[in-house]
PDB file of N, CA and C in Angstrom:
ATOM      1  N   UNK A   1       0.835  -1.195   0.000  1.00  0.00           N
ATOM      2  CA  UNK A   1       0.000   0.000   0.000  1.00  0.00           C
ATOM      3  C   UNK A   1       0.872   1.248   0.000  1.00  0.00           C
ATOM      4  N   UNK A   2       0.217   2.386  -0.206  1.00  0.00           N
ATOM      5  CA  UNK A   2       0.966   3.644  -0.241  1.00  0.00           C
ATOM      6  C   UNK A   2       0.135   4.752   0.356  1.00  0.00           C
ATOM      7  N   UNK A   3       0.826   5.747   0.849  1.00  0.00           N
ATOM      8  CA  UNK A   3       0.134   6.922   1.367  1.00  0.00           C
ATOM      9  C   UNK A   3       0.000   7.962   0.270  1.00  0.00           C
ATOM     10  N   UNK A   4      -1.074   8.710   0.306  1.00  0.00           N
ATOM     11  CA  UNK A   4      -1.250   9.793  -0.665  1.00  0.00           C
ATOM     12  C   UNK A   4      -1.347  11.105   0.096  1.00  0.00           C
ATOM     13  N   UNK A   5      -0.468  12.029  -0.258  1.00  0.00           N
ATOM     14  CA  UNK A   5      -0.475  13.314   0.425  1.00  0.00           C
ATOM     15  C   UNK A   5      -1.332  14.298  -0.341  1.00  0.00           C
ATOM     16  N   UNK A   6      -1.436  15.488   0.199  1.00  0.00           N
ATOM     17  CA  UNK A   6      -2.226  16.527  -0.450  1.00  0.00           C
ATOM     18  C   UNK A   6      -1.677  16.843  -1.837  1.00  0.00           C
ATOM     19  N   UNK A   7      -0.371  16.582  -2.013  1.00  0.00           N
ATOM     20  CA  UNK A   7       0.258  16.911  -3.289  1.00  0.00           C
ATOM     21  C   UNK A   7       0.226  15.737  -4.253  1.00  0.00           C
ATOM     22  N   UNK A   8      -0.389  14.634  -3.795  1.00  0.00           N
ATOM     23  CA  UNK A   8      -0.521  13.491  -4.673  1.00  0.00           C
ATOM     24  C   UNK A   8       0.728  12.633  -4.724  1.00  0.00           C
ATOM     25  N   UNK A   9       1.595  12.756  -3.724  1.00  0.00           N
ATOM     26  CA  UNK A   9       2.826  11.963  -3.693  1.00  0.00           C
ATOM     27  C   UNK A   9       2.571  10.646  -2.986  1.00  0.00           C
ATOM     28  N   UNK A  10       3.043   9.563  -3.603  1.00  0.00           N
ATOM     29  CA  UNK A  10       2.856   8.254  -2.997  1.00  0.00           C
ATOM     30  C   UNK A  10       4.157   7.762  -2.375  1.00  0.00           C
ATOM     31  N   UNK A  11       4.105   7.423  -1.107  1.00  0.00           N
ATOM     32  CA  UNK A  11       5.299   6.924  -0.423  1.00  0.00           C
ATOM     33  C   UNK A  11       5.095   5.454  -0.085  1.00  0.00           C
ATOM     34  N   UNK A  12       6.039   4.622  -0.503  1.00  0.00           N
ATOM     35  CA  UNK A  12       5.936   3.201  -0.248  1.00  0.00           C
ATOM     36  C   UNK A  12       6.121   2.940   1.235  1.00  0.00           C
ATOM     37  N   UNK A  13       5.240   2.178   1.844  1.00  0.00           N
ATOM     38  CA  UNK A  13       5.313   1.894   3.270  1.00  0.00           C
ATOM     39  C   UNK A  13       6.639   1.237   3.636  1.00  0.00           C
ATOM     40  N   UNK A  14       7.186   0.463   2.713  1.00  0.00           N
ATOM     41  CA  UNK A  14       8.433  -0.238   2.986  1.00  0.00           C
ATOM     42  C   UNK A  14       9.599   0.742   3.078  1.00  0.00           C
ATOM     43  N   UNK A  15       9.404   1.947   2.565  1.00  0.00           N
ATOM     44  CA  UNK A  15      10.495   2.915   2.537  1.00  0.00           C
ATOM     45  C   UNK A  15      10.135   4.171   3.336  1.00  0.00           C
ATOM     46  N   UNK A  16       9.141   4.026   4.208  1.00  0.00           N
ATOM     47  CA  UNK A  16       8.708   5.184   4.993  1.00  0.00           C
ATOM     48  C   UNK A  16       9.844   5.671   5.874  1.00  0.00           C
ATOM     49  N   UNK A  17       9.996   6.999   5.938  1.00  0.00           N
ATOM     50  CA  UNK A  17      11.039   7.597   6.763  1.00  0.00           C
ATOM     51  C   UNK A  17      10.437   8.764   7.533  1.00  0.00           C
ATOM     52  N   UNK A  18      11.083   9.191   8.624  1.00  0.00           N
ATOM     53  CA  UNK A  18      10.573  10.292   9.442  1.00  0.00           C
ATOM     54  C   UNK A  18      10.260  11.523   8.598  1.00  0.00           C
ATOM     55  N   UNK A  19      11.103  11.790   7.603  1.00  0.00           N
ATOM     56  CA  UNK A  19      10.877  12.949   6.742  1.00  0.00           C
ATOM     57  C   UNK A  19      10.905  12.508   5.289  1.00  0.00           C
ATOM     58  N   UNK A  20       9.794  12.730   4.596  1.00  0.00           N
ATOM     59  CA  UNK A  20       9.729  12.377   3.188  1.00  0.00           C
ATOM     60  C   UNK A  20       9.908  13.639   2.362  1.00  0.00           C
ATOM     61  N   UNK A  21      10.825  13.565   1.404  1.00  0.00           N
ATOM     62  CA  UNK A  21      11.084  14.732   0.582  1.00  0.00           C
ATOM     63  C   UNK A  21      10.453  14.593  -0.788  1.00  0.00           C
ATOM     64  N   UNK A  22      10.010  15.717  -1.327  1.00  0.00           N
ATOM     65  CA  UNK A  22       9.548  15.750  -2.712  1.00  0.00           C
ATOM     66  C   UNK A  22      10.038  17.053  -3.329  1.00  0.00           C
ATOM     67  N   UNK A  23      10.879  16.935  -4.311  1.00  0.00           N
ATOM     68  CA  UNK A  23      11.428  18.105  -4.983  1.00  0.00           C
ATOM     69  C   UNK A  23      12.087  19.046  -3.986  1.00  0.00           C
ATOM     70  N   UNK A  24      12.690  18.472  -2.925  1.00  0.00           N
ATOM     71  CA  UNK A  24      13.400  19.279  -1.946  1.00  0.00           C
ATOM     72  C   UNK A  24      12.504  19.881  -0.894  1.00  0.00           C
ATOM     73  N   UNK A  25      11.225  19.476  -0.862  1.00  0.00           N
ATOM     74  CA  UNK A  25      10.305  20.023   0.132  1.00  0.00           C
ATOM     75  C   UNK A  25       9.862  18.925   1.097  1.00  0.00           C
ATOM     76  N   UNK A  26       9.608  19.312   2.326  1.00  0.00           N
ATOM     77  CA  UNK A  26       9.141  18.348   3.319  1.00  0.00           C
ATOM     78  C   UNK A  26       7.675  18.013   3.098  1.00  0.00           C
ATOM     79  N   UNK A  27       7.355  16.752   3.305  1.00  0.00           N
ATOM     80  CA  UNK A  27       5.952  16.334   3.273  1.00  0.00           C
ATOM     81  C   UNK A  27       5.640  15.727   4.631  1.00  0.00           C
ATOM     82  N   UNK A  28       4.915  16.446   5.444  1.00  0.00           N
ATOM     83  CA  UNK A  28       4.608  15.983   6.796  1.00  0.00           C
ATOM     84  C   UNK A  28       3.186  15.461   6.907  1.00  0.00           C
ATOM     85  N   UNK A  29       2.346  15.829   5.947  1.00  0.00           N
ATOM     86  CA  UNK A  29       0.940  15.453   6.029  1.00  0.00           C
ATOM     87  C   UNK A  29       0.679  14.198   5.199  1.00  0.00           C
ATOM     88  N   UNK A  30       0.737  13.040   5.842  1.00  0.00           N
ATOM     89  CA  UNK A  30       0.412  11.802   5.145  1.00  0.00           C
ATOM     90  C   UNK A  30      -0.962  11.343   5.602  1.00  0.00           C
ATOM     91  N   UNK A  31      -1.851  11.188   4.659  1.00  0.00           N
ATOM     92  CA  UNK A  31      -3.220  10.813   5.003  1.00  0.00           C
ATOM     93  C   UNK A  31      -3.580   9.470   4.373  1.00  0.00           C
TER      94      UNK A  31
END
């Protein structure tokens, strides 16, 4: 499964980390 953020970024649960980056920006809101 994957998380989808407000920006539509999918993060693989197997690679989840305290801070997920996208284009150099922090993504803290995982829903």
